[in-house]
Amino acid sequence: MKLDIVITGVGGQGAVLASRVIAQTAMAKGYQVRTSETIGMAQREGPVISHVRIGDDLTGALIPDRGADILLSFELAETARGLSKLKPEGTIIANTAQIFPVSVPLGISSYQTETILAALQRPQGKTILLDASRAALEAGNAKTVNVVLLGVLAGMSGLPFTAEDLLASILKQVPEKVREVNRKAFEIGQRLAEVS
């Protein structure tokens, strides 16, 4: 068994926590796990990319280009940036929310939504685009975008753990006072996966 997941987003969205939850869930099921994170200027809404490799006899933590089975993305432009990591038949699970870099409101650059959406149209594989940011607000906390997307991920076939395993790992990672809102966010994500 081998599963490679690339997680992309911007700082403050919980991408690093999501990668740790996935990794810990897989380790608890007895799998080898390798992870790598690039967070750079993440505290200033800079790009974040995490690699999570799960399986047996793993070597290295970095997923090669066109090697990821799943691209889990928290922001639309970061989804496009992560495409080079995805296998042609791989699955994209992406939040359609947009976080504009400072250069956009200053008029230095533009955020080309239609171009990005066109790049995500692929002849193979599965693409799930959803407004996870709105779903997080529905759950009661805008910071649960990562958990909504983990709920969607939990509905994918071929994972080495169950949705219940993944939820249990999430609830261990978050403070007690926000466990219920995270549970709700996860369940909303699961429902979104069912209709995607």
N, C-alpha and C. Protein backbone atom coordinates (compact mmCIF):
# COMPACT_ATOMS: atom_id res chain seq x y z
N MET A 1 0.84 -1.18 0.00
CA MET A 1 0.00 0.00 0.00
C MET A 1 0.88 1.24 0.00
N LYS A 2 0.53 2.22 -0.83
CA LYS A 2 1.25 3.49 -0.89
C LYS A 2 0.27 4.59 -1.25
N LEU A 3 0.34 5.70 -0.53
CA LEU A 3 -0.53 6.84 -0.80
C LEU A 3 0.28 8.11 -0.59
N ASP A 4 0.30 8.97 -1.60
CA ASP A 4 1.01 10.25 -1.53
C ASP A 4 0.01 11.39 -1.63
N ILE A 5 0.05 12.28 -0.65
CA ILE A 5 -0.88 13.42 -0.59
C ILE A 5 -0.07 14.71 -0.51
N VAL A 6 -0.38 15.66 -1.39
CA VAL A 6 0.20 17.00 -1.32
C VAL A 6 -0.89 17.93 -0.82
N ILE A 7 -0.54 18.75 0.17
CA ILE A 7 -1.48 19.71 0.75
C ILE A 7 -0.94 21.10 0.49
N THR A 8 -1.77 21.96 -0.11
CA THR A 8 -1.34 23.32 -0.41
C THR A 8 -2.32 24.33 0.20
N GLY A 9 -1.80 25.50 0.47
CA GLY A 9 -2.64 26.57 1.01
C GLY A 9 -1.78 27.78 1.28
N VAL A 10 -2.31 28.66 2.09
CA VAL A 10 -1.54 29.83 2.54
C VAL A 10 -1.51 29.81 4.06
N GLY A 11 -0.56 30.56 4.59
CA GLY A 11 -0.38 30.58 6.03
C GLY A 11 -1.65 30.95 6.78
N GLY A 12 -1.90 30.24 7.86
CA GLY A 12 -3.05 30.52 8.70
C GLY A 12 -4.29 29.71 8.38
N GLN A 13 -4.23 28.87 7.34
CA GLN A 13 -5.40 28.08 6.97
C GLN A 13 -5.44 26.70 7.62
N GLY A 14 -4.37 26.30 8.27
CA GLY A 14 -4.36 25.00 8.94
C GLY A 14 -3.85 23.86 8.10
N ALA A 15 -3.09 24.15 7.05
CA ALA A 15 -2.56 23.09 6.19
C ALA A 15 -1.58 22.21 6.95
N VAL A 16 -0.74 22.81 7.78
CA VAL A 16 0.24 22.04 8.53
C VAL A 16 -0.47 21.11 9.52
N LEU A 17 -1.48 21.62 10.20
CA LEU A 17 -2.24 20.77 11.13
C LEU A 17 -2.90 19.61 10.37
N ALA A 18 -3.44 19.89 9.19
CA ALA A 18 -4.07 18.83 8.39
C ALA A 18 -3.07 17.74 8.04
N SER A 19 -1.86 18.14 7.65
CA SER A 19 -0.85 17.13 7.30
C SER A 19 -0.46 16.31 8.51
N ARG A 20 -0.38 16.92 9.66
CA ARG A 20 -0.03 16.18 10.88
C ARG A 20 -1.15 15.23 11.30
N VAL A 21 -2.38 15.65 11.13
CA VAL A 21 -3.51 14.78 11.46
C VAL A 21 -3.51 13.55 10.55
N ILE A 22 -3.32 13.75 9.25
CA ILE A 22 -3.27 12.62 8.32
C ILE A 22 -2.13 11.68 8.68
N ALA A 23 -0.96 12.26 8.93
CA ALA A 23 0.22 11.45 9.26
C ALA A 23 0.00 10.64 10.53
N GLN A 24 -0.51 11.28 11.57
CA GLN A 24 -0.71 10.58 12.84
C GLN A 24 -1.78 9.51 12.74
N THR A 25 -2.81 9.76 11.93
CA THR A 25 -3.86 8.76 11.74
C THR A 25 -3.28 7.53 11.07
N ALA A 26 -2.46 7.72 10.04
CA ALA A 26 -1.85 6.59 9.34
C ALA A 26 -0.86 5.84 10.24
N MET A 27 -0.09 6.58 11.03
CA MET A 27 0.87 5.91 11.93
C MET A 27 0.13 5.07 12.97
N ALA A 28 -0.99 5.58 13.46
CA ALA A 28 -1.76 4.83 14.44
C ALA A 28 -2.30 3.52 13.86
N LYS A 29 -2.43 3.45 12.54
CA LYS A 29 -2.88 2.23 11.87
C LYS A 29 -1.70 1.32 11.49
N GLY A 30 -0.50 1.72 11.87
CA GLY A 30 0.67 0.88 11.66
C GLY A 30 1.45 1.13 10.38
N TYR A 31 1.14 2.19 9.66
CA TYR A 31 1.84 2.48 8.42
C TYR A 31 3.06 3.37 8.65
N GLN A 32 4.04 3.22 7.78
CA GLN A 32 5.15 4.15 7.77
C GLN A 32 4.65 5.47 7.18
N VAL A 33 5.19 6.56 7.68
CA VAL A 33 4.79 7.88 7.18
C VAL A 33 6.03 8.76 7.08
N ARG A 34 6.11 9.51 6.00
CA ARG A 34 7.15 10.53 5.83
C ARG A 34 6.44 11.83 5.50
N THR A 35 6.87 12.92 6.11
CA THR A 35 6.26 14.21 5.83
C THR A 35 7.35 15.26 5.58
N SER A 36 6.96 16.28 4.85
CA SER A 36 7.83 17.43 4.61
C SER A 36 6.93 18.65 4.48
N GLU A 37 7.40 19.77 5.01
CA GLU A 37 6.62 21.01 4.93
C GLU A 37 7.50 22.16 4.47
N THR A 38 6.96 22.99 3.63
CA THR A 38 7.61 24.24 3.25
C THR A 38 6.65 25.35 3.65
N ILE A 39 7.05 26.14 4.64
CA ILE A 39 6.12 27.15 5.13
C ILE A 39 6.61 28.58 4.93
N GLY A 40 7.87 28.77 4.65
CA GLY A 40 8.39 30.09 4.28
C GLY A 40 7.75 31.26 5.01
N MET A 41 7.12 32.14 4.26
CA MET A 41 6.47 33.33 4.81
C MET A 41 5.02 33.03 5.17
N ALA A 42 4.75 31.84 5.63
CA ALA A 42 3.38 31.40 5.87
C ALA A 42 2.65 32.28 6.88
N GLN A 43 3.37 32.83 7.83
CA GLN A 43 2.70 33.67 8.82
C GLN A 43 2.13 34.93 8.18
N ARG A 44 2.57 35.26 7.00
CA ARG A 44 2.08 36.44 6.29
C ARG A 44 1.26 36.03 5.07
N GLU A 45 0.53 34.95 5.21
CA GLU A 45 -0.32 34.41 4.14
C GLU A 45 0.49 34.01 2.92
N GLY A 46 1.72 33.57 3.16
CA GLY A 46 2.54 33.04 2.08
C GLY A 46 2.18 31.60 1.80
N PRO A 47 2.69 31.05 0.70
CA PRO A 47 2.36 29.68 0.33
C PRO A 47 2.84 28.64 1.34
N VAL A 48 2.05 27.61 1.51
CA VAL A 48 2.39 26.47 2.36
C VAL A 48 2.19 25.22 1.52
N ILE A 49 3.17 24.32 1.57
CA ILE A 49 3.00 23.03 0.89
C ILE A 49 3.52 21.94 1.81
N SER A 50 2.72 20.90 1.98
CA SER A 50 3.09 19.75 2.79
C SER A 50 3.01 18.49 1.94
N HIS A 51 3.94 17.61 2.17
CA HIS A 51 3.94 16.30 1.52
C HIS A 51 3.69 15.26 2.60
N VAL A 52 2.75 14.36 2.36
CA VAL A 52 2.49 13.26 3.29
C VAL A 52 2.56 11.97 2.49
N ARG A 53 3.53 11.13 2.84
CA ARG A 53 3.71 9.84 2.16
C ARG A 53 3.38 8.74 3.16
N ILE A 54 2.49 7.85 2.75
CA ILE A 54 2.02 6.77 3.62
C ILE A 54 2.23 5.45 2.89
N GLY A 55 2.73 4.45 3.60
CA GLY A 55 2.87 3.15 2.96
C GLY A 55 3.86 2.25 3.66
N ASP A 56 4.42 1.35 2.88
CA ASP A 56 5.42 0.41 3.38
C ASP A 56 6.71 0.66 2.63
N ASP A 57 7.83 0.54 3.33
CA ASP A 57 9.15 0.71 2.71
C ASP A 57 9.28 2.04 1.98
N LEU A 58 8.94 3.11 2.65
CA LEU A 58 9.03 4.44 2.05
C LEU A 58 10.47 4.93 2.01
N THR A 59 10.80 5.70 0.99
CA THR A 59 12.08 6.39 0.93
C THR A 59 11.79 7.85 0.66
N GLY A 60 12.42 8.70 1.39
CA GLY A 60 12.28 10.14 1.17
C GLY A 60 10.91 10.69 1.53
N ALA A 61 10.91 11.96 1.88
CA ALA A 61 9.66 12.62 2.29
C ALA A 61 9.03 13.44 1.17
N LEU A 62 9.79 13.76 0.14
CA LEU A 62 9.27 14.62 -0.92
C LEU A 62 8.60 13.79 -2.01
N ILE A 63 7.43 14.23 -2.41
CA ILE A 63 6.68 13.57 -3.49
C ILE A 63 7.18 14.17 -4.81
N PRO A 64 7.60 13.32 -5.74
CA PRO A 64 8.08 13.85 -7.02
C PRO A 64 6.95 14.45 -7.85
N ASP A 65 7.31 15.26 -8.81
CA ASP A 65 6.32 15.79 -9.75
C ASP A 65 5.55 14.63 -10.38
N ARG A 66 4.23 14.83 -10.53
CA ARG A 66 3.32 13.83 -11.09
C ARG A 66 3.29 12.54 -10.28
N GLY A 67 3.54 12.68 -8.97
CA GLY A 67 3.57 11.50 -8.10
C GLY A 67 2.47 11.43 -7.07
N ALA A 68 1.77 12.54 -6.83
CA ALA A 68 0.76 12.58 -5.77
C ALA A 68 -0.55 11.93 -6.23
N ASP A 69 -1.12 11.15 -5.34
CA ASP A 69 -2.43 10.55 -5.59
C ASP A 69 -3.55 11.56 -5.34
N ILE A 70 -3.32 12.45 -4.35
CA ILE A 70 -4.33 13.43 -3.95
C ILE A 70 -3.67 14.79 -3.77
N LEU A 71 -4.31 15.82 -4.30
CA LEU A 71 -3.93 17.20 -4.05
C LEU A 71 -5.06 17.80 -3.22
N LEU A 72 -4.77 18.09 -1.97
CA LEU A 72 -5.73 18.68 -1.04
C LEU A 72 -5.36 20.14 -0.88
N SER A 73 -6.20 21.04 -1.40
CA SER A 73 -5.80 22.45 -1.47
C SER A 73 -6.80 23.36 -0.78
N PHE A 74 -6.26 24.32 -0.04
CA PHE A 74 -7.07 25.21 0.78
C PHE A 74 -7.37 26.55 0.12
N GLU A 75 -6.73 26.80 -1.05
CA GLU A 75 -6.90 28.09 -1.71
C GLU A 75 -6.75 27.88 -3.21
N LEU A 76 -7.55 28.57 -4.00
CA LEU A 76 -7.67 28.29 -5.43
C LEU A 76 -6.35 28.44 -6.20
N ALA A 77 -5.64 29.54 -6.03
CA ALA A 77 -4.38 29.73 -6.77
C ALA A 77 -3.34 28.70 -6.34
N GLU A 78 -3.34 28.35 -5.07
CA GLU A 78 -2.39 27.34 -4.59
C GLU A 78 -2.72 25.97 -5.17
N THR A 79 -3.98 25.73 -5.52
CA THR A 79 -4.35 24.49 -6.20
C THR A 79 -3.63 24.42 -7.53
N ALA A 80 -3.68 25.51 -8.30
CA ALA A 80 -3.01 25.54 -9.60
C ALA A 80 -1.50 25.36 -9.44
N ARG A 81 -0.93 25.96 -8.41
CA ARG A 81 0.51 25.82 -8.19
C ARG A 81 0.89 24.38 -7.85
N GLY A 82 -0.01 23.66 -7.20
CA GLY A 82 0.27 22.28 -6.80
C GLY A 82 0.01 21.24 -7.87
N LEU A 83 -0.59 21.63 -8.99
CA LEU A 83 -0.95 20.67 -10.03
C LEU A 83 0.21 19.85 -10.56
N SER A 84 1.40 20.42 -10.61
CA SER A 84 2.55 19.69 -11.15
C SER A 84 2.90 18.47 -10.30
N LYS A 85 2.46 18.44 -9.07
CA LYS A 85 2.75 17.31 -8.18
C LYS A 85 1.77 16.16 -8.37
N LEU A 86 0.63 16.40 -9.00
CA LEU A 86 -0.45 15.41 -9.08
C LEU A 86 -0.29 14.46 -10.26
N LYS A 87 -0.57 13.17 -10.00
CA LYS A 87 -0.63 12.19 -11.08
C LYS A 87 -1.76 12.59 -12.02
N PRO A 88 -1.66 12.27 -13.31
CA PRO A 88 -2.75 12.60 -14.23
C PRO A 88 -4.10 12.03 -13.79
N GLU A 89 -4.08 10.84 -13.21
CA GLU A 89 -5.33 10.22 -12.75
C GLU A 89 -5.64 10.52 -11.28
N GLY A 90 -4.89 11.43 -10.68
CA GLY A 90 -5.06 11.77 -9.27
C GLY A 90 -6.32 12.57 -9.00
N THR A 91 -6.59 12.76 -7.72
CA THR A 91 -7.78 13.47 -7.25
C THR A 91 -7.42 14.84 -6.69
N ILE A 92 -8.18 15.85 -7.11
CA ILE A 92 -8.06 17.19 -6.53
C ILE A 92 -9.25 17.42 -5.61
N ILE A 93 -8.97 17.84 -4.39
CA ILE A 93 -10.01 18.31 -3.47
C ILE A 93 -9.60 19.74 -3.13
N ALA A 94 -10.38 20.72 -3.59
CA ALA A 94 -9.92 22.10 -3.46
C ALA A 94 -11.02 23.05 -3.01
N ASN A 95 -10.61 23.93 -2.14
CA ASN A 95 -11.45 25.04 -1.69
C ASN A 95 -11.44 26.10 -2.81
N THR A 96 -12.61 26.59 -3.17
CA THR A 96 -12.68 27.61 -4.22
C THR A 96 -12.45 29.03 -3.69
N ALA A 97 -12.29 29.17 -2.38
CA ALA A 97 -12.04 30.49 -1.80
C ALA A 97 -10.73 31.06 -2.32
N GLN A 98 -10.70 32.37 -2.42
CA GLN A 98 -9.52 33.06 -2.94
C GLN A 98 -8.97 34.01 -1.88
N ILE A 99 -7.67 33.93 -1.68
CA ILE A 99 -6.99 34.87 -0.79
C ILE A 99 -6.03 35.66 -1.67
N PHE A 100 -6.34 36.92 -1.86
CA PHE A 100 -5.56 37.75 -2.78
C PHE A 100 -4.25 38.20 -2.14
N PRO A 101 -3.14 38.02 -2.85
CA PRO A 101 -1.87 38.57 -2.37
C PRO A 101 -1.95 40.09 -2.31
N VAL A 102 -1.10 40.68 -1.51
CA VAL A 102 -1.09 42.13 -1.34
C VAL A 102 -0.91 42.83 -2.68
N SER A 103 -0.20 42.21 -3.61
CA SER A 103 0.06 42.83 -4.91
C SER A 103 -1.20 43.03 -5.74
N VAL A 104 -2.25 42.25 -5.47
CA VAL A 104 -3.50 42.38 -6.26
C VAL A 104 -4.21 43.69 -5.95
N PRO A 105 -4.54 43.99 -4.68
CA PRO A 105 -5.21 45.27 -4.42
C PRO A 105 -4.35 46.49 -4.76
N LEU A 106 -3.02 46.30 -4.78
CA LEU A 106 -2.13 47.40 -5.15
C LEU A 106 -2.07 47.61 -6.65
N GLY A 107 -2.65 46.66 -7.42
CA GLY A 107 -2.66 46.77 -8.87
C GLY A 107 -1.38 46.30 -9.54
N ILE A 108 -0.50 45.67 -8.77
CA ILE A 108 0.78 45.20 -9.32
C ILE A 108 0.58 43.89 -10.08
N SER A 109 -0.37 43.08 -9.63
CA SER A 109 -0.65 41.81 -10.30
C SER A 109 -2.16 41.59 -10.30
N SER A 110 -2.58 40.53 -10.95
CA SER A 110 -4.00 40.21 -10.98
C SER A 110 -4.21 38.77 -10.55
N TYR A 111 -5.40 38.49 -10.09
CA TYR A 111 -5.78 37.14 -9.68
C TYR A 111 -6.70 36.63 -10.78
N GLN A 112 -6.22 35.72 -11.59
CA GLN A 112 -6.92 35.29 -12.79
C GLN A 112 -7.75 34.03 -12.53
N THR A 113 -8.90 34.24 -11.91
CA THR A 113 -9.76 33.15 -11.50
C THR A 113 -10.15 32.22 -12.64
N GLU A 114 -10.57 32.79 -13.76
CA GLU A 114 -11.02 31.95 -14.89
C GLU A 114 -9.87 31.11 -15.45
N THR A 115 -8.69 31.68 -15.50
CA THR A 115 -7.52 30.95 -15.99
C THR A 115 -7.20 29.79 -15.05
N ILE A 116 -7.29 30.05 -13.76
CA ILE A 116 -7.03 29.00 -12.77
C ILE A 116 -8.05 27.88 -12.89
N LEU A 117 -9.33 28.24 -12.98
CA LEU A 117 -10.38 27.22 -13.10
C LEU A 117 -10.21 26.40 -14.37
N ALA A 118 -9.80 27.04 -15.46
CA ALA A 118 -9.57 26.32 -16.71
C ALA A 118 -8.42 25.33 -16.56
N ALA A 119 -7.39 25.71 -15.81
CA ALA A 119 -6.24 24.82 -15.60
C ALA A 119 -6.61 23.58 -14.80
N LEU A 120 -7.67 23.69 -14.01
CA LEU A 120 -8.08 22.56 -13.17
C LEU A 120 -8.97 21.56 -13.91
N GLN A 121 -9.37 21.91 -15.14
CA GLN A 121 -10.15 20.97 -15.96
C GLN A 121 -9.19 19.97 -16.58
N ARG A 122 -9.36 18.70 -16.23
CA ARG A 122 -8.43 17.66 -16.70
C ARG A 122 -9.20 16.53 -17.34
N PRO A 123 -8.60 15.87 -18.32
CA PRO A 123 -9.30 14.77 -18.98
C PRO A 123 -9.37 13.51 -18.11
N GLN A 124 -8.46 13.39 -17.15
CA GLN A 124 -8.43 12.22 -16.27
C GLN A 124 -8.57 12.67 -14.83
N GLY A 125 -8.75 11.70 -13.95
CA GLY A 125 -8.79 11.99 -12.53
C GLY A 125 -10.10 12.61 -12.10
N LYS A 126 -10.19 12.91 -10.83
CA LYS A 126 -11.40 13.48 -10.25
C LYS A 126 -11.06 14.85 -9.67
N THR A 127 -11.95 15.80 -9.86
CA THR A 127 -11.76 17.14 -9.30
C THR A 127 -13.00 17.51 -8.49
N ILE A 128 -12.78 17.81 -7.22
CA ILE A 128 -13.86 18.24 -6.34
C ILE A 128 -13.55 19.67 -5.92
N LEU A 129 -14.35 20.61 -6.41
CA LEU A 129 -14.20 22.01 -6.04
C LEU A 129 -15.38 22.39 -5.17
N LEU A 130 -15.10 22.99 -4.01
CA LEU A 130 -16.18 23.37 -3.11
C LEU A 130 -15.77 24.59 -2.29
N ASP A 131 -16.77 25.30 -1.82
CA ASP A 131 -16.51 26.47 -0.99
C ASP A 131 -16.39 26.03 0.46
N ALA A 132 -15.20 25.53 0.80
CA ALA A 132 -14.96 25.04 2.15
C ALA A 132 -14.95 26.18 3.17
N SER A 133 -14.63 27.38 2.72
CA SER A 133 -14.64 28.53 3.63
C SER A 133 -16.06 28.83 4.10
N ARG A 134 -17.01 28.78 3.19
CA ARG A 134 -18.42 28.98 3.56
C ARG A 134 -18.90 27.85 4.47
N ALA A 135 -18.48 26.62 4.16
CA ALA A 135 -18.86 25.47 4.98
C ALA A 135 -18.30 25.60 6.39
N ALA A 136 -17.09 26.14 6.51
CA ALA A 136 -16.49 26.35 7.84
C ALA A 136 -17.30 27.35 8.64
N LEU A 137 -17.76 28.42 7.98
CA LEU A 137 -18.62 29.40 8.65
C LEU A 137 -19.93 28.75 9.09
N GLU A 138 -20.46 27.87 8.25
CA GLU A 138 -21.69 27.15 8.60
C GLU A 138 -21.46 26.28 9.84
N ALA A 139 -20.26 25.73 9.96
CA ALA A 139 -19.93 24.91 11.13
C ALA A 139 -19.80 25.75 12.39
N GLY A 140 -19.50 27.04 12.21
CA GLY A 140 -19.41 27.92 13.37
C GLY A 140 -18.06 28.56 13.59
N ASN A 141 -17.07 28.26 12.72
CA ASN A 141 -15.75 28.85 12.90
C ASN A 141 -15.00 28.85 11.57
N ALA A 142 -14.65 30.03 11.10
CA ALA A 142 -13.97 30.18 9.80
C ALA A 142 -12.64 29.45 9.76
N LYS A 143 -12.06 29.17 10.92
CA LYS A 143 -10.75 28.52 10.97
C LYS A 143 -10.83 27.00 10.80
N THR A 144 -12.02 26.47 10.54
CA THR A 144 -12.16 25.02 10.38
C THR A 144 -12.17 24.58 8.92
N VAL A 145 -11.69 25.44 8.03
CA VAL A 145 -11.60 25.07 6.60
C VAL A 145 -10.83 23.76 6.45
N ASN A 146 -9.72 23.63 7.20
CA ASN A 146 -8.91 22.42 7.09
C ASN A 146 -9.70 21.18 7.48
N VAL A 147 -10.54 21.29 8.49
CA VAL A 147 -11.30 20.14 8.95
C VAL A 147 -12.43 19.80 7.98
N VAL A 148 -13.04 20.83 7.38
CA VAL A 148 -14.04 20.58 6.33
C VAL A 148 -13.40 19.77 5.20
N LEU A 149 -12.21 20.19 4.76
CA LEU A 149 -11.53 19.48 3.67
C LEU A 149 -11.10 18.08 4.09
N LEU A 150 -10.73 17.90 5.35
CA LEU A 150 -10.41 16.55 5.83
C LEU A 150 -11.66 15.67 5.83
N GLY A 151 -12.81 16.27 6.10
CA GLY A 151 -14.07 15.53 6.02
C GLY A 151 -14.35 15.07 4.60
N VAL A 152 -14.05 15.93 3.63
CA VAL A 152 -14.21 15.54 2.22
C VAL A 152 -13.23 14.42 1.88
N LEU A 153 -11.98 14.58 2.31
CA LEU A 153 -10.96 13.56 2.08
C LEU A 153 -11.39 12.21 2.64
N ALA A 154 -12.02 12.23 3.81
CA ALA A 154 -12.43 10.99 4.48
C ALA A 154 -13.40 10.17 3.63
N GLY A 155 -14.06 10.82 2.67
CA GLY A 155 -15.00 10.12 1.80
C GLY A 155 -14.36 9.45 0.60
N MET A 156 -13.05 9.63 0.43
CA MET A 156 -12.35 9.05 -0.72
C MET A 156 -12.06 7.57 -0.47
N SER A 157 -12.11 6.80 -1.53
CA SER A 157 -11.76 5.38 -1.41
C SER A 157 -10.24 5.23 -1.45
N GLY A 158 -9.76 4.13 -0.92
CA GLY A 158 -8.33 3.84 -0.96
C GLY A 158 -7.51 4.40 0.17
N LEU A 159 -8.16 5.02 1.15
CA LEU A 159 -7.42 5.54 2.30
C LEU A 159 -7.08 4.39 3.25
N PRO A 160 -5.96 4.48 3.94
CA PRO A 160 -5.57 3.40 4.85
C PRO A 160 -6.17 3.52 6.25
N PHE A 161 -7.19 4.35 6.37
CA PHE A 161 -7.87 4.55 7.65
C PHE A 161 -9.31 4.94 7.37
N THR A 162 -10.13 4.86 8.39
CA THR A 162 -11.55 5.20 8.24
C THR A 162 -11.80 6.67 8.57
N ALA A 163 -12.98 7.13 8.22
CA ALA A 163 -13.38 8.49 8.58
C ALA A 163 -13.37 8.66 10.10
N GLU A 164 -13.79 7.62 10.81
CA GLU A 164 -13.81 7.68 12.28
C GLU A 164 -12.40 7.82 12.83
N ASP A 165 -11.44 7.11 12.22
CA ASP A 165 -10.04 7.23 12.64
C ASP A 165 -9.53 8.66 12.45
N LEU A 166 -9.86 9.24 11.30
CA LEU A 166 -9.41 10.59 10.99
C LEU A 166 -10.03 11.60 11.94
N LEU A 167 -11.32 11.48 12.19
CA LEU A 167 -11.98 12.39 13.12
C LEU A 167 -11.39 12.27 14.52
N ALA A 168 -11.12 11.06 14.97
CA ALA A 168 -10.54 10.87 16.30
C ALA A 168 -9.19 11.58 16.41
N SER A 169 -8.38 11.54 15.34
CA SER A 169 -7.08 12.23 15.34
C SER A 169 -7.26 13.74 15.39
N ILE A 170 -8.25 14.24 14.66
CA ILE A 170 -8.53 15.68 14.69
C ILE A 170 -8.88 16.11 16.11
N LEU A 171 -9.78 15.37 16.72
CA LEU A 171 -10.26 15.75 18.06
C LEU A 171 -9.15 15.67 19.10
N LYS A 172 -8.15 14.82 18.88
CA LYS A 172 -7.00 14.76 19.79
C LYS A 172 -6.10 15.98 19.62
N GLN A 173 -6.06 16.52 18.39
CA GLN A 173 -5.15 17.62 18.07
C GLN A 173 -5.67 19.01 18.45
N VAL A 174 -6.98 19.17 18.51
CA VAL A 174 -7.54 20.50 18.77
C VAL A 174 -7.90 20.67 20.24
N PRO A 175 -7.88 21.90 20.75
CA PRO A 175 -8.26 22.14 22.14
C PRO A 175 -9.71 21.70 22.40
N GLU A 176 -9.97 21.29 23.61
CA GLU A 176 -11.28 20.78 23.99
C GLU A 176 -12.41 21.76 23.68
N LYS A 177 -12.16 23.06 23.87
CA LYS A 177 -13.22 24.05 23.68
C LYS A 177 -13.69 24.17 22.23
N VAL A 178 -12.88 23.68 21.26
CA VAL A 178 -13.29 23.77 19.86
C VAL A 178 -13.54 22.39 19.23
N ARG A 179 -13.60 21.38 20.05
CA ARG A 179 -13.81 20.03 19.50
C ARG A 179 -15.17 19.88 18.83
N GLU A 180 -16.20 20.44 19.43
CA GLU A 180 -17.53 20.25 18.85
C GLU A 180 -17.67 20.96 17.52
N VAL A 181 -17.13 22.16 17.39
CA VAL A 181 -17.22 22.88 16.11
C VAL A 181 -16.39 22.14 15.05
N ASN A 182 -15.28 21.54 15.45
CA ASN A 182 -14.47 20.76 14.51
C ASN A 182 -15.19 19.48 14.10
N ARG A 183 -15.88 18.86 15.02
CA ARG A 183 -16.68 17.68 14.68
C ARG A 183 -17.74 18.05 13.64
N LYS A 184 -18.39 19.19 13.87
CA LYS A 184 -19.42 19.64 12.94
C LYS A 184 -18.83 19.95 11.57
N ALA A 185 -17.66 20.61 11.54
CA ALA A 185 -17.00 20.93 10.27
C ALA A 185 -16.64 19.65 9.50
N PHE A 186 -16.16 18.65 10.21
CA PHE A 186 -15.81 17.38 9.59
C PHE A 186 -17.05 16.72 8.99
N GLU A 187 -18.14 16.73 9.73
CA GLU A 187 -19.38 16.11 9.24
C GLU A 187 -19.93 16.85 8.03
N ILE A 188 -19.81 18.18 8.01
CA ILE A 188 -20.22 18.96 6.85
C ILE A 188 -19.38 18.55 5.64
N GLY A 189 -18.07 18.41 5.84
CA GLY A 189 -17.18 17.97 4.77
C GLY A 189 -17.57 16.60 4.23
N GLN A 190 -17.93 15.69 5.12
CA GLN A 190 -18.36 14.36 4.69
C GLN A 190 -19.62 14.45 3.82
N ARG A 191 -20.56 15.30 4.23
CA ARG A 191 -21.79 15.45 3.44
C ARG A 191 -21.48 16.06 2.07
N LEU A 192 -20.57 17.02 2.03
CA LEU A 192 -20.18 17.63 0.75
C LEU A 192 -19.54 16.60 -0.17
N ALA A 193 -18.76 15.68 0.40
CA ALA A 193 -18.13 14.63 -0.40
C ALA A 193 -19.17 13.73 -1.03
N GLU A 194 -20.25 13.48 -0.32
CA GLU A 194 -21.30 12.59 -0.82
C GLU A 194 -22.00 13.14 -2.05
N VAL A 195 -22.07 14.47 -2.14
CA VAL A 195 -22.77 15.07 -3.28
C VAL A 195 -21.84 15.54 -4.39
N SER A 196 -20.54 15.34 -4.21
CA SER A 196 -19.55 15.79 -5.21
C SER A 196 -19.26 14.70 -6.22
